[in-house]
């Protein structure tokens, strides 16, 4: 039995109107059905929401897995890049070492060629001086012979020779003084060529030739002094020579330290004048008789 909402009278479930107050009873049934629909709707929404949430969770899980996979791939790529860099760096280091070895080898070869060239130039200069000295000696010999023939000449109808002067052996001083005449001629030519050179390298190249000239003469004169001077005098002169060499090297080093150039082709060019002056200093040490 159901109860009328308005008057409270009881009625059967299939009645449409209350027998007491006449109130319609169908609405109550409709309202009852509405709650069922509402409940079904709520359940449907909950189910849909749950499904959406489950799908979202699944997608988030998949997204997380993809991100982890992508992160792993990035890490692997970064590791590969780092390994490639290390390998390239290692190859570059090896290539640099090979290049340095090649450059060192080329530098040594260049120095050997320069040394050989310098030796050849010195030999050429010495040969030139020897030829000049031989020519001068021959000229002096011819002059002496002519002088002797003049002094010992025979007058017409007289076969008795006229007394003449006796030849004298030249001293070491005189011999070197005569040799330096030819050296000065050559040095003057090199000075002129150096002055007229159009660039720095050209001037320094000629100054290096001047150094080679006077250095070769200095070494040769030194050997003659060792033979001619007493041992005690030579020891003292040797100490002076060592000091002079140190001063010369310091002068050359100071000169090149102020120049930003490659001077390997003419390392001793600044010492040409200094070496020339030293030759004349040693000349004065040569015995004069």
Protein backbone atom coordinates (compact mmCIF):
# COMPACT_ATOMS: atom_id res chain seq x y z
CA UNK A 1 0.00 0.00 0.00
CA UNK A 2 1.17 3.53 -0.79
CA UNK A 3 0.21 6.75 0.97
CA UNK A 4 -1.11 9.90 -0.70
CA UNK A 5 1.30 12.73 -0.24
CA UNK A 6 -1.54 15.24 0.26
CA UNK A 7 -4.06 13.61 2.62
CA UNK A 8 -2.24 10.53 3.85
CA UNK A 9 -4.88 8.09 2.61
CA UNK A 10 -3.64 4.67 1.61
CA UNK A 11 -4.13 3.37 -1.91
CA UNK A 12 -3.12 0.54 -4.21
CA UNK A 13 -0.16 0.87 -6.51
CA UNK A 14 -2.26 0.95 -9.71
CA UNK A 15 -4.53 3.88 -8.66
CA UNK A 16 -4.11 7.09 -10.56
CA UNK A 17 -6.07 9.42 -8.24
CA UNK A 18 -6.58 9.47 -4.44
CA UNK A 19 -10.12 8.33 -3.55
CA UNK A 20 -10.15 10.66 -0.57
CA UNK A 21 -8.79 13.98 -1.90
CA UNK A 22 -8.60 13.30 -5.63
CA UNK A 23 -4.84 14.05 -5.80
CA UNK A 24 -3.13 12.47 -8.85
CA UNK A 25 -0.94 9.54 -7.82
CA UNK A 26 1.02 8.95 -11.12
CA UNK A 27 3.56 11.73 -10.42
CA UNK A 28 4.89 9.85 -7.46
CA UNK A 29 5.78 6.96 -9.67
CA UNK A 30 7.46 9.27 -12.19
CA UNK A 31 9.53 10.85 -9.46
CA UNK A 32 10.56 7.45 -8.30
CA UNK A 33 11.71 6.55 -11.81
CA UNK A 34 13.62 9.88 -12.10
CA UNK A 35 15.88 8.94 -9.21
CA UNK A 36 16.65 5.71 -10.96
CA UNK A 37 17.68 7.61 -14.07
CA UNK A 38 19.70 10.05 -12.01
CA UNK A 39 21.49 7.19 -10.30
CA UNK A 40 22.13 5.51 -13.62
CA UNK A 41 23.47 8.83 -14.98
CA UNK A 42 25.75 9.23 -11.98
CA UNK A 43 27.01 5.69 -12.40
CA UNK A 44 27.53 6.30 -16.12
CA UNK A 45 29.42 9.52 -15.45
CA UNK A 46 31.51 7.76 -12.81
CA UNK A 47 32.19 4.92 -15.22
CA UNK A 48 33.12 7.31 -18.01
CA UNK A 49 35.24 9.38 -15.66
CA UNK A 50 36.93 6.23 -14.42
CA UNK A 51 37.53 5.10 -17.98
CA UNK A 52 38.90 8.50 -18.91
CA UNK A 53 41.11 8.47 -15.82
CA UNK A 54 42.28 4.95 -16.63
CA UNK A 55 43.04 5.98 -20.21
CA UNK A 56 44.83 9.10 -18.94
CA UNK A 57 46.89 7.03 -16.52
CA UNK A 58 47.71 4.58 -19.30
CA UNK A 59 48.68 7.42 -21.63
CA UNK A 60 50.79 9.04 -18.91
CA UNK A 61 52.50 5.73 -18.30
CA UNK A 62 53.17 5.33 -22.02
CA UNK A 63 54.36 8.94 -22.23
CA UNK A 64 56.71 8.33 -19.28
CA UNK A 65 58.05 5.21 -20.97
CA UNK A 66 58.55 7.13 -24.23
CA UNK A 67 60.30 9.96 -22.38
CA UNK A 68 62.56 7.44 -20.62
CA UNK A 69 63.32 5.79 -23.94
CA UNK A 70 64.01 9.18 -25.54
CA UNK A 71 66.24 10.13 -22.58
CA UNK A 72 68.14 6.87 -22.94
CA UNK A 73 68.52 7.52 -26.68
CA UNK A 74 69.77 11.07 -25.98
CA UNK A 75 72.24 9.77 -23.42
CA UNK A 76 73.47 7.15 -25.88
CA UNK A 77 73.79 9.82 -28.59
CA UNK A 78 75.68 12.13 -26.20
CA UNK A 79 77.98 9.28 -25.22
CA UNK A 80 78.57 8.52 -28.91
CA UNK A 81 79.32 12.21 -29.57
CA UNK A 82 81.74 12.35 -26.62
CA UNK A 83 83.45 9.18 -27.79
CA UNK A 84 83.71 10.65 -31.29
CA UNK A 85 85.20 13.84 -29.84
CA UNK A 86 87.71 11.88 -27.79
CA UNK A 87 88.62 9.80 -30.80
CA UNK A 88 88.98 12.91 -32.95
CA UNK A 89 91.01 14.60 -30.22
CA UNK A 90 93.23 11.54 -30.00
CA UNK A 91 93.64 11.47 -33.78
CA UNK A 92 94.34 15.22 -33.76
CA UNK A 93 96.97 14.74 -31.06
CA UNK A 94 98.61 11.95 -33.02
CA UNK A 95 98.43 14.05 -36.19
CA UNK A 96 99.93 17.00 -34.30
CA UNK A 97 102.76 14.80 -33.03
CA UNK A 98 103.37 13.56 -36.57
CA UNK A 99 103.29 17.17 -37.83
CA UNK A 100 105.71 18.28 -35.11
CA UNK A 101 108.04 15.42 -35.96
CA UNK A 102 107.82 16.34 -39.64
CA UNK A 103 108.42 20.02 -38.89
CA UNK A 104 111.33 19.11 -36.63
CA UNK A 105 112.78 16.91 -39.34
CA UNK A 106 112.32 19.68 -41.91
CA UNK A 107 113.88 22.19 -39.51
CA UNK A 108 116.90 19.97 -38.98
CA UNK A 109 117.18 19.45 -42.71
CA UNK A 110 116.93 23.20 -43.26
CA UNK A 111 119.66 23.85 -40.68
CA UNK A 112 121.90 21.25 -42.30
CA UNK A 113 121.36 22.85 -45.70
CA UNK A 114 122.08 26.30 -44.28
CA UNK A 115 125.21 25.02 -42.55
CA UNK A 116 126.35 23.37 -45.76
CA UNK A 117 125.63 26.55 -47.70
CA UNK A 118 127.60 28.61 -45.17
CA UNK A 119 130.53 26.21 -45.39
CA UNK A 120 130.42 26.40 -49.17
CA UNK A 121 130.35 30.19 -49.03
CA UNK A 122 133.32 30.23 -46.67
CA UNK A 123 135.19 27.83 -48.90
CA UNK A 124 134.38 30.00 -51.92
CA UNK A 125 135.57 33.11 -50.12
CA UNK A 126 138.77 31.43 -49.00
CA UNK A 127 139.36 30.19 -52.52
CA UNK A 128 138.85 33.70 -53.82
CA UNK A 129 141.29 35.11 -51.27
CA UNK A 130 143.86 32.46 -52.09
CA UNK A 131 143.56 33.32 -55.78
CA UNK A 132 143.94 37.01 -54.99
CA UNK A 133 146.92 36.32 -52.76
CA UNK A 134 148.51 34.09 -55.39
CA UNK A 135 148.03 36.83 -57.98
CA UNK A 136 149.47 39.42 -55.62
CA UNK A 137 152.41 37.18 -54.75
CA UNK A 138 153.08 36.59 -58.42
CA UNK A 139 152.92 40.32 -59.07
CA UNK A 140 155.31 41.01 -56.19
CA UNK A 141 157.61 38.29 -57.45
CA UNK A 142 157.64 39.81 -60.92
CA UNK A 143 158.30 43.26 -59.46
CA UNK A 144 161.13 41.87 -57.34
CA UNK A 145 162.59 40.09 -60.34
CA UNK A 146 162.38 43.26 -62.41
CA UNK A 147 163.97 45.22 -59.59
CA UNK A 148 166.71 42.64 -59.25
CA UNK A 149 167.38 42.69 -62.96
CA UNK A 150 167.58 46.46 -62.84
CA UNK A 151 169.97 46.48 -59.89
CA UNK A 152 172.14 43.68 -61.28
CA UNK A 153 171.90 44.75 -64.91
CA UNK A 154 175.00 44.64 -67.13
CA UNK A 155 176.13 47.84 -68.75
CA UNK A 156 177.08 47.79 -72.41
CA UNK A 157 180.47 46.17 -72.84
CA UNK A 158 180.62 45.27 -69.14
CA UNK A 159 179.73 41.80 -67.88
CA UNK A 160 180.25 42.62 -64.22
CA UNK A 161 176.91 42.68 -62.35
CA UNK A 162 176.03 45.74 -60.29
CA UNK A 163 175.54 44.98 -56.59
CA UNK A 164 171.88 45.03 -55.55
CA UNK A 165 169.73 44.69 -52.43
CA UNK A 166 169.05 41.34 -50.74
CA UNK A 167 165.49 40.06 -50.45
CA UNK A 168 163.98 39.89 -47.00
CA UNK A 169 161.52 37.34 -45.68
CA UNK A 170 158.19 39.02 -44.80
CA UNK A 171 157.11 38.93 -41.12
CA UNK A 172 153.80 37.42 -40.04
CA UNK A 173 152.49 40.93 -39.49
CA UNK A 174 153.46 42.06 -43.00
CA UNK A 175 152.06 38.89 -44.55
CA UNK A 176 148.67 39.35 -42.89
CA UNK A 177 148.62 43.06 -43.54
CA UNK A 178 149.00 42.38 -47.24
CA UNK A 179 146.28 39.72 -47.16
CA UNK A 180 143.86 42.09 -45.47
CA UNK A 181 144.15 44.47 -48.40
CA UNK A 182 142.33 41.95 -50.58
CA UNK A 183 139.87 41.25 -47.75
CA UNK A 184 139.06 44.95 -47.47
CA UNK A 185 138.36 45.13 -51.21
CA UNK A 186 135.92 42.25 -50.97
CA UNK A 187 134.36 43.66 -47.80
CA UNK A 188 133.84 47.04 -49.49
CA UNK A 189 131.95 45.33 -52.31
CA UNK A 190 129.71 43.47 -49.83
CA UNK A 191 129.04 46.68 -47.87
CA UNK A 192 128.01 48.40 -51.10
CA UNK A 193 125.74 45.50 -52.06
CA UNK A 194 124.20 45.49 -48.59
CA UNK A 195 123.48 49.23 -48.76
CA UNK A 196 121.82 48.94 -52.16
CA UNK A 197 119.68 45.90 -51.23
CA UNK A 198 115.96 46.60 -51.55
CA UNK A 199 114.83 44.66 -48.48
CA UNK A 200 115.91 43.67 -44.98
CA UNK A 201 116.70 40.07 -45.91
CA UNK A 202 118.89 41.20 -48.78
CA UNK A 203 120.90 43.51 -46.52
CA UNK A 204 121.28 40.90 -43.81
CA UNK A 205 122.34 38.27 -46.35
CA UNK A 206 125.26 40.45 -47.45
CA UNK A 207 126.13 41.21 -43.83
CA UNK A 208 126.25 37.46 -43.20
CA UNK A 209 128.72 37.11 -46.09
CA UNK A 210 130.83 39.82 -44.48
CA UNK A 211 130.77 37.92 -41.20
CA UNK A 212 131.80 34.70 -42.95
CA UNK A 213 134.68 36.56 -44.61
CA UNK A 214 136.14 38.03 -41.41
CA UNK A 215 135.38 34.96 -39.30
CA UNK A 216 137.31 32.73 -41.72
CA UNK A 217 140.28 35.15 -41.64
CA UNK A 218 140.12 35.36 -37.84
CA UNK A 219 140.27 31.57 -37.47
CA UNK A 220 143.18 31.29 -39.89
CA UNK A 221 145.07 34.11 -38.22
CA UNK A 222 144.50 32.45 -34.86
CA UNK A 223 146.20 29.30 -36.07
CA UNK A 224 149.21 31.35 -37.23
CA UNK A 225 149.40 33.09 -33.86
CA UNK A 226 149.40 29.74 -32.04
CA UNK A 227 152.50 28.80 -34.01
CA UNK A 228 154.24 32.17 -33.65
CA UNK A 229 153.56 33.33 -30.08
CA UNK A 230 154.97 31.98 -26.80
CA UNK A 231 152.69 29.64 -24.91
CA UNK A 232 152.20 32.04 -21.98
CA UNK A 233 151.24 34.87 -24.32
CA UNK A 234 148.86 32.58 -26.17
CA UNK A 235 147.15 31.48 -22.95
CA UNK A 236 146.48 35.09 -22.01
CA UNK A 237 145.25 35.86 -25.52
CA UNK A 238 142.99 32.78 -25.39
CA UNK A 239 141.27 34.07 -22.24
CA UNK A 240 140.71 37.40 -23.97
CA UNK A 241 139.35 35.62 -27.03
CA UNK A 242 136.83 33.63 -24.97
CA UNK A 243 135.57 36.86 -23.36
CA UNK A 244 135.29 38.47 -26.77
CA UNK A 245 133.28 35.52 -28.14
CA UNK A 246 130.83 35.82 -25.24
CA UNK A 247 130.44 39.55 -25.85
CA UNK A 248 129.91 38.93 -29.58
CA UNK A 249 127.23 36.32 -28.93
CA UNK A 250 125.48 38.61 -26.43
CA UNK A 251 125.48 41.44 -28.98
CA UNK A 252 124.00 39.19 -31.66
CA UNK A 253 121.36 37.82 -29.28
CA UNK A 254 120.38 41.31 -28.15
CA UNK A 255 120.05 42.48 -31.74
CA UNK A 256 117.77 39.65 -32.84
CA UNK A 257 115.63 39.81 -29.70
CA UNK A 258 114.51 43.25 -30.86
CA UNK A 259 113.67 42.01 -34.38
CA UNK A 260 110.54 40.03 -35.17
CA UNK A 261 111.97 38.18 -38.18
CA UNK A 262 113.23 34.76 -39.17
CA UNK A 263 117.01 35.21 -39.06
CA UNK A 264 117.99 31.56 -39.53
CA UNK A 265 119.47 32.35 -42.96
CA UNK A 266 121.82 35.02 -41.52
CA UNK A 267 122.25 34.34 -37.78
CA UNK A 268 125.61 36.13 -37.34
CA UNK A 269 125.03 39.07 -39.67
CA UNK A 270 125.05 41.67 -36.83
CA UNK A 271 128.57 40.56 -35.81
CA UNK A 272 130.28 41.38 -39.14
CA UNK A 273 131.85 44.67 -38.02
CA UNK A 274 132.73 43.30 -34.58
CA UNK A 275 134.56 40.35 -36.15
CA UNK A 276 136.39 42.64 -38.58
CA UNK A 277 137.62 44.78 -35.67
CA UNK A 278 138.79 41.64 -33.86
CA UNK A 279 140.85 40.59 -36.88
CA UNK A 280 142.72 43.90 -36.78
CA UNK A 281 143.21 43.55 -33.04
CA UNK A 282 144.83 40.15 -33.57
CA UNK A 283 146.88 41.60 -36.43
CA UNK A 284 148.64 43.79 -33.92
CA UNK A 285 149.54 40.65 -31.96
CA UNK A 286 151.40 39.21 -34.96
CA UNK A 287 155.22 39.33 -34.71
CA UNK A 288 156.75 42.02 -36.90
CA UNK A 289 160.06 40.27 -37.45
